[in-house]
Amino acid sequence: MIRLLGYESEITEAWPHGHMKKAKELGIIKGLELNPEDLVTRGDVAVMIMQSLNIEMKGLKSN
């Protein structure tokens, strides 16, 4: 999701910590208890998708 939203170039830490940090900053994983070593559930992914819908995508030009 970070890549799709255009924020991957801002990640400075190794996978998955950098992606999780950016997702937290953007509010994608707000309210979720996630551990980098664990698998995410379908419910967690659904929450992340819903929270991503309100984030402005970088690099898009408006008409």
PDB file of N, CA and C in Angstrom:
ATOM      1  N   MET A   1       0.816  -1.182   0.000  1.00  0.00           N
ATOM      2  CA  MET A   1       0.000   0.000   0.000  1.00  0.00           C
ATOM      3  C   MET A   1       0.864   1.252   0.000  1.00  0.00           C
ATOM      4  N   ILE A   2       1.971   1.196   0.696  1.00  0.00           N
ATOM      5  CA  ILE A   2       2.876   2.342   0.734  1.00  0.00           C
ATOM      6  C   ILE A   2       3.351   2.670  -0.681  1.00  0.00           C
ATOM      7  N   ARG A   3       3.716   1.653  -1.446  1.00  0.00           N
ATOM      8  CA  ARG A   3       4.174   1.852  -2.822  1.00  0.00           C
ATOM      9  C   ARG A   3       3.038   2.391  -3.687  1.00  0.00           C
ATOM     10  N   LEU A   4       1.856   1.819  -3.564  1.00  0.00           N
ATOM     11  CA  LEU A   4       0.719   2.261  -4.367  1.00  0.00           C
ATOM     12  C   LEU A   4       0.350   3.710  -4.090  1.00  0.00           C
ATOM     13  N   LEU A   5       0.522   4.142  -2.853  1.00  0.00           N
ATOM     14  CA  LEU A   5       0.207   5.521  -2.487  1.00  0.00           C
ATOM     15  C   LEU A   5       1.328   6.495  -2.852  1.00  0.00           C
ATOM     16  N   GLY A   6       2.484   5.966  -3.254  1.00  0.00           N
ATOM     17  CA  GLY A   6       3.583   6.810  -3.701  1.00  0.00           C
ATOM     18  C   GLY A   6       4.554   7.249  -2.625  1.00  0.00           C
ATOM     19  N   TYR A   7       4.561   6.584  -1.491  1.00  0.00           N
ATOM     20  CA  TYR A   7       5.404   6.998  -0.370  1.00  0.00           C
ATOM     21  C   TYR A   7       6.637   6.122  -0.172  1.00  0.00           C
ATOM     22  N   GLU A   8       6.873   5.148  -1.033  1.00  0.00           N
ATOM     23  CA  GLU A   8       7.976   4.210  -0.821  1.00  0.00           C
ATOM     24  C   GLU A   8       9.339   4.895  -0.825  1.00  0.00           C
ATOM     25  N   SER A   9       9.503   5.959  -1.600  1.00  0.00           N
ATOM     26  CA  SER A   9      10.801   6.637  -1.660  1.00  0.00           C
ATOM     27  C   SER A   9      11.157   7.329  -0.345  1.00  0.00           C
ATOM     28  N   GLU A  10      10.184   7.520   0.539  1.00  0.00           N
ATOM     29  CA  GLU A  10      10.427   8.170   1.830  1.00  0.00           C
ATOM     30  C   GLU A  10      10.886   7.195   2.912  1.00  0.00           C
ATOM     31  N   ILE A  11      10.909   5.913   2.616  1.00  0.00           N
ATOM     32  CA  ILE A  11      11.273   4.898   3.605  1.00  0.00           C
ATOM     33  C   ILE A  11      12.788   4.786   3.680  1.00  0.00           C
ATOM     34  N   THR A  12      13.320   4.927   4.886  1.00  0.00           N
ATOM     35  CA  THR A  12      14.769   4.897   5.073  1.00  0.00           C
ATOM     36  C   THR A  12      15.245   3.669   5.846  1.00  0.00           C
ATOM     37  N   GLU A  13      14.323   2.933   6.450  1.00  0.00           N
ATOM     38  CA  GLU A  13      14.694   1.758   7.241  1.00  0.00           C
ATOM     39  C   GLU A  13      14.423   0.479   6.456  1.00  0.00           C
ATOM     40  N   ALA A  14      15.035  -0.608   6.896  1.00  0.00           N
ATOM     41  CA  ALA A  14      14.884  -1.906   6.231  1.00  0.00           C
ATOM     42  C   ALA A  14      13.462  -2.448   6.383  1.00  0.00           C
ATOM     43  N   TRP A  15      13.105  -3.349   5.467  1.00  0.00           N
ATOM     44  CA  TRP A  15      11.827  -4.049   5.499  1.00  0.00           C
ATOM     45  C   TRP A  15      11.792  -4.950   6.728  1.00  0.00           C
ATOM     46  N   PRO A  16      10.701  -5.083   7.417  1.00  0.00           N
ATOM     47  CA  PRO A  16       9.423  -4.413   7.259  1.00  0.00           C
ATOM     48  C   PRO A  16       9.273  -3.183   8.137  1.00  0.00           C
ATOM     49  N   HIS A  17      10.288  -2.898   8.946  1.00  0.00           N
ATOM     50  CA  HIS A  17      10.176  -1.819   9.933  1.00  0.00           C
ATOM     51  C   HIS A  17       9.929  -0.454   9.292  1.00  0.00           C
ATOM     52  N   GLY A  18      10.612  -0.154   8.199  1.00  0.00           N
ATOM     53  CA  GLY A  18      10.416   1.126   7.527  1.00  0.00           C
ATOM     54  C   GLY A  18       9.011   1.282   6.975  1.00  0.00           C
ATOM     55  N   HIS A  19       8.485   0.209   6.394  1.00  0.00           N
ATOM     56  CA  HIS A  19       7.126   0.251   5.851  1.00  0.00           C
ATOM     57  C   HIS A  19       6.092   0.389   6.970  1.00  0.00           C
ATOM     58  N   MET A  20       6.315  -0.314   8.065  1.00  0.00           N
ATOM     59  CA  MET A  20       5.378  -0.216   9.187  1.00  0.00           C
ATOM     60  C   MET A  20       5.416   1.176   9.815  1.00  0.00           C
ATOM     61  N   LYS A  21       6.601   1.759   9.903  1.00  0.00           N
ATOM     62  CA  LYS A  21       6.729   3.106  10.461  1.00  0.00           C
ATOM     63  C   LYS A  21       5.984   4.114   9.588  1.00  0.00           C
ATOM     64  N   LYS A  22       6.152   4.032   8.260  1.00  0.00           N
ATOM     65  CA  LYS A  22       5.475   4.952   7.349  1.00  0.00           C
ATOM     66  C   LYS A  22       3.966   4.720   7.383  1.00  0.00           C
ATOM     67  N   ALA A  23       3.537   3.452   7.452  1.00  0.00           N
ATOM     68  CA  ALA A  23       2.107   3.145   7.535  1.00  0.00           C
ATOM     69  C   ALA A  23       1.498   3.740   8.805  1.00  0.00           C
ATOM     70  N   LYS A  24       2.255   3.704   9.887  1.00  0.00           N
ATOM     71  CA  LYS A  24       1.773   4.298  11.140  1.00  0.00           C
ATOM     72  C   LYS A  24       1.672   5.815  11.003  1.00  0.00           C
ATOM     73  N   GLU A  25       2.686   6.448  10.405  1.00  0.00           N
ATOM     74  CA  GLU A  25       2.670   7.900  10.196  1.00  0.00           C
ATOM     75  C   GLU A  25       1.466   8.327   9.362  1.00  0.00           C
ATOM     76  N   LEU A  26       1.134   7.536   8.347  1.00  0.00           N
ATOM     77  CA  LEU A  26       0.027   7.867   7.449  1.00  0.00           C
ATOM     78  C   LEU A  26      -1.338   7.488   8.022  1.00  0.00           C
ATOM     79  N   GLY A  27      -1.349   6.709   9.101  1.00  0.00           N
ATOM     80  CA  GLY A  27      -2.608   6.289   9.713  1.00  0.00           C
ATOM     81  C   GLY A  27      -3.180   5.011   9.129  1.00  0.00           C
ATOM     82  N   ILE A  28      -2.412   4.320   8.298  1.00  0.00           N
ATOM     83  CA  ILE A  28      -2.894   3.093   7.661  1.00  0.00           C
ATOM     84  C   ILE A  28      -3.104   1.983   8.680  1.00  0.00           C
ATOM     85  N   ILE A  29      -2.247   1.911   9.683  1.00  0.00           N
ATOM     86  CA  ILE A  29      -2.359   0.831  10.673  1.00  0.00           C
ATOM     87  C   ILE A  29      -2.869   1.345  12.020  1.00  0.00           C
ATOM     88  N   LYS A  30      -3.519   2.484  12.000  1.00  0.00           N
ATOM     89  CA  LYS A  30      -4.074   3.066  13.224  1.00  0.00           C
ATOM     90  C   LYS A  30      -5.057   2.087  13.871  1.00  0.00           C
ATOM     91  N   GLY A  31      -4.861   1.828  15.148  1.00  0.00           N
ATOM     92  CA  GLY A  31      -5.753   0.955  15.894  1.00  0.00           C
ATOM     93  C   GLY A  31      -5.454  -0.531  15.771  1.00  0.00           C
ATOM     94  N   LEU A  32      -4.452  -0.886  14.985  1.00  0.00           N
ATOM     95  CA  LEU A  32      -4.100  -2.298  14.812  1.00  0.00           C
ATOM     96  C   LEU A  32      -2.890  -2.648  15.669  1.00  0.00           C
ATOM     97  N   GLU A  33      -2.904  -3.837  16.234  1.00  0.00           N
ATOM     98  CA  GLU A  33      -1.771  -4.355  17.001  1.00  0.00           C
ATOM     99  C   GLU A  33      -0.997  -5.292  16.081  1.00  0.00           C
ATOM    100  N   LEU A  34       0.048  -4.786  15.437  1.00  0.00           N
ATOM    101  CA  LEU A  34       0.800  -5.581  14.475  1.00  0.00           C
ATOM    102  C   LEU A  34       2.220  -5.812  14.954  1.00  0.00           C
ATOM    103  N   ASN A  35       2.742  -6.987  14.645  1.00  0.00           N
ATOM    104  CA  ASN A  35       4.107  -7.364  14.961  1.00  0.00           C
ATOM    105  C   ASN A  35       4.775  -7.753  13.649  1.00  0.00           C
ATOM    106  N   PRO A  36       5.959  -7.219  13.346  1.00  0.00           N
ATOM    107  CA  PRO A  36       6.623  -7.533  12.076  1.00  0.00           C
ATOM    108  C   PRO A  36       6.851  -9.025  11.842  1.00  0.00           C
ATOM    109  N   GLU A  37       6.897  -9.824  12.900  1.00  0.00           N
ATOM    110  CA  GLU A  37       7.135 -11.261  12.754  1.00  0.00           C
ATOM    111  C   GLU A  37       5.859 -12.054  12.485  1.00  0.00           C
ATOM    112  N   ASP A  38       4.690 -11.450  12.696  1.00  0.00           N
ATOM    113  CA  ASP A  38       3.420 -12.163  12.576  1.00  0.00           C
ATOM    114  C   ASP A  38       2.759 -11.933  11.220  1.00  0.00           C
ATOM    115  N   LEU A  39       1.892 -12.863  10.855  1.00  0.00           N
ATOM    116  CA  LEU A  39       1.067 -12.698   9.664  1.00  0.00           C
ATOM    117  C   LEU A  39      -0.103 -11.782  10.002  1.00  0.00           C
ATOM    118  N   VAL A  40      -0.595 -11.043   9.011  1.00  0.00           N
ATOM    119  CA  VAL A  40      -1.774 -10.206   9.235  1.00  0.00           C
ATOM    120  C   VAL A  40      -3.017 -10.994   8.836  1.00  0.00           C
ATOM    121  N   THR A  41      -4.132 -10.657   9.447  1.00  0.00           N
ATOM    122  CA  THR A  41      -5.392 -11.328   9.132  1.00  0.00           C
ATOM    123  C   THR A  41      -6.097 -10.594   7.998  1.00  0.00           C
ATOM    124  N   ARG A  42      -7.102 -11.240   7.427  1.00  0.00           N
ATOM    125  CA  ARG A  42      -7.916 -10.575   6.401  1.00  0.00           C
ATOM    126  C   ARG A  42      -8.589  -9.340   6.981  1.00  0.00           C
ATOM    127  N   GLY A  43      -8.976  -9.423   8.234  1.00  0.00           N
ATOM    128  CA  GLY A  43      -9.593  -8.276   8.891  1.00  0.00           C
ATOM    129  C   GLY A  43      -8.632  -7.103   9.000  1.00  0.00           C
ATOM    130  N   ASP A  44      -7.361  -7.400   9.341  1.00  0.00           N
ATOM    131  CA  ASP A  44      -6.345  -6.343   9.413  1.00  0.00           C
ATOM    132  C   ASP A  44      -6.160  -5.690   8.046  1.00  0.00           C
ATOM    133  N   VAL A  45      -6.096  -6.511   7.000  1.00  0.00           N
ATOM    134  CA  VAL A  45      -5.918  -5.985   5.643  1.00  0.00           C
ATOM    135  C   VAL A  45      -7.118  -5.125   5.250  1.00  0.00           C
ATOM    136  N   ALA A  46      -8.317  -5.556   5.599  1.00  0.00           N
ATOM    137  CA  ALA A  46      -9.512  -4.770   5.294  1.00  0.00           C
ATOM    138  C   ALA A  46      -9.443  -3.399   5.963  1.00  0.00           C
ATOM    139  N   VAL A  47      -9.007  -3.368   7.214  1.00  0.00           N
ATOM    140  CA  VAL A  47      -8.865  -2.094   7.933  1.00  0.00           C
ATOM    141  C   VAL A  47      -7.819  -1.215   7.245  1.00  0.00           C
ATOM    142  N   MET A  48      -6.691  -1.805   6.858  1.00  0.00           N
ATOM    143  CA  MET A  48      -5.636  -1.031   6.199  1.00  0.00           C
ATOM    144  C   MET A  48      -6.117  -0.455   4.867  1.00  0.00           C
ATOM    145  N   ILE A  49      -6.873  -1.236   4.108  1.00  0.00           N
ATOM    146  CA  ILE A  49      -7.406  -0.740   2.835  1.00  0.00           C
ATOM    147  C   ILE A  49      -8.361   0.416   3.081  1.00  0.00           C
ATOM    148  N   MET A  50      -9.271   0.263   4.021  1.00  0.00           N
ATOM    149  CA  MET A  50     -10.233   1.330   4.315  1.00  0.00           C
ATOM    150  C   MET A  50      -9.526   2.603   4.770  1.00  0.00           C
ATOM    151  N   GLN A  51      -8.524   2.472   5.615  1.00  0.00           N
ATOM    152  CA  GLN A  51      -7.814   3.652   6.109  1.00  0.00           C
ATOM    153  C   GLN A  51      -6.946   4.275   5.020  1.00  0.00           C
ATOM    154  N   SER A  52      -6.530   3.496   4.035  1.00  0.00           N
ATOM    155  CA  SER A  52      -5.725   4.013   2.922  1.00  0.00           C
ATOM    156  C   SER A  52      -6.551   4.857   1.962  1.00  0.00           C
ATOM    157  N   LEU A  53      -7.853   4.633   1.932  1.00  0.00           N
ATOM    158  CA  LEU A  53      -8.707   5.357   0.988  1.00  0.00           C
ATOM    159  C   LEU A  53      -8.738   6.859   1.249  1.00  0.00           C
ATOM    160  N   ASN A  54      -8.424   7.278   2.463  1.00  0.00           N
ATOM    161  CA  ASN A  54      -8.460   8.697   2.814  1.00  0.00           C
ATOM    162  C   ASN A  54      -7.107   9.388   2.704  1.00  0.00           C
ATOM    163  N   ILE A  55      -6.096   8.685   2.196  1.00  0.00           N
ATOM    164  CA  ILE A  55      -4.750   9.246   2.105  1.00  0.00           C
ATOM    165  C   ILE A  55      -4.507   9.746   0.691  1.00  0.00           C
ATOM    166  N   GLU A  56      -3.980  10.953   0.588  1.00  0.00           N
ATOM    167  CA  GLU A  56      -3.683  11.529  -0.720  1.00  0.00           C
ATOM    168  C   GLU A  56      -2.516  10.787  -1.364  1.00  0.00           C
ATOM    169  N   MET A  57      -2.701  10.415  -2.618  1.00  0.00           N
ATOM    170  CA  MET A  57      -1.644   9.732  -3.360  1.00  0.00           C
ATOM    171  C   MET A  57      -0.627  10.759  -3.831  1.00  0.00           C
ATOM    172  N   LYS A  58       0.645  10.436  -3.690  1.00  0.00           N
ATOM    173  CA  LYS A  58       1.712  11.334  -4.132  1.00  0.00           C
ATOM    174  C   LYS A  58       1.968  11.127  -5.616  1.00  0.00           C
ATOM    175  N   GLY A  59       2.344  12.186  -6.296  1.00  0.00           N
ATOM    176  CA  GLY A  59       2.748  12.087  -7.690  1.00  0.00           C
ATOM    177  C   GLY A  59       1.609  12.154  -8.685  1.00  0.00           C
ATOM    178  N   LEU A  60       0.376  12.313  -8.228  1.00  0.00           N
ATOM    179  CA  LEU A  60      -0.743  12.439  -9.157  1.00  0.00           C
ATOM    180  C   LEU A  60      -0.998  13.905  -9.450  1.00  0.00           C
ATOM    181  N   LYS A  61      -1.254  14.187 -10.708  1.00  0.00           N
ATOM    182  CA  LYS A  61      -1.577  15.556 -11.105  1.00  0.00           C
ATOM    183  C   LYS A  61      -3.079  15.663 -11.282  1.00  0.00           C
ATOM    184  N   SER A  62      -3.673  16.687 -10.694  1.00  0.00           N
ATOM    185  CA  SER A  62      -5.116  16.876 -10.843  1.00  0.00           C
ATOM    186  C   SER A  62      -5.405  17.644 -12.125  1.00  0.00           C
ATOM    187  N   ASN A  63      -6.582  17.408 -12.672  1.00  0.00           N
ATOM    188  CA  ASN A  63      -6.977  18.083 -13.919  1.00  0.00           C
ATOM    189  C   ASN A  63      -7.591  19.418 -13.638  1.00  0.00           C
TER     190      ASN A  63
END
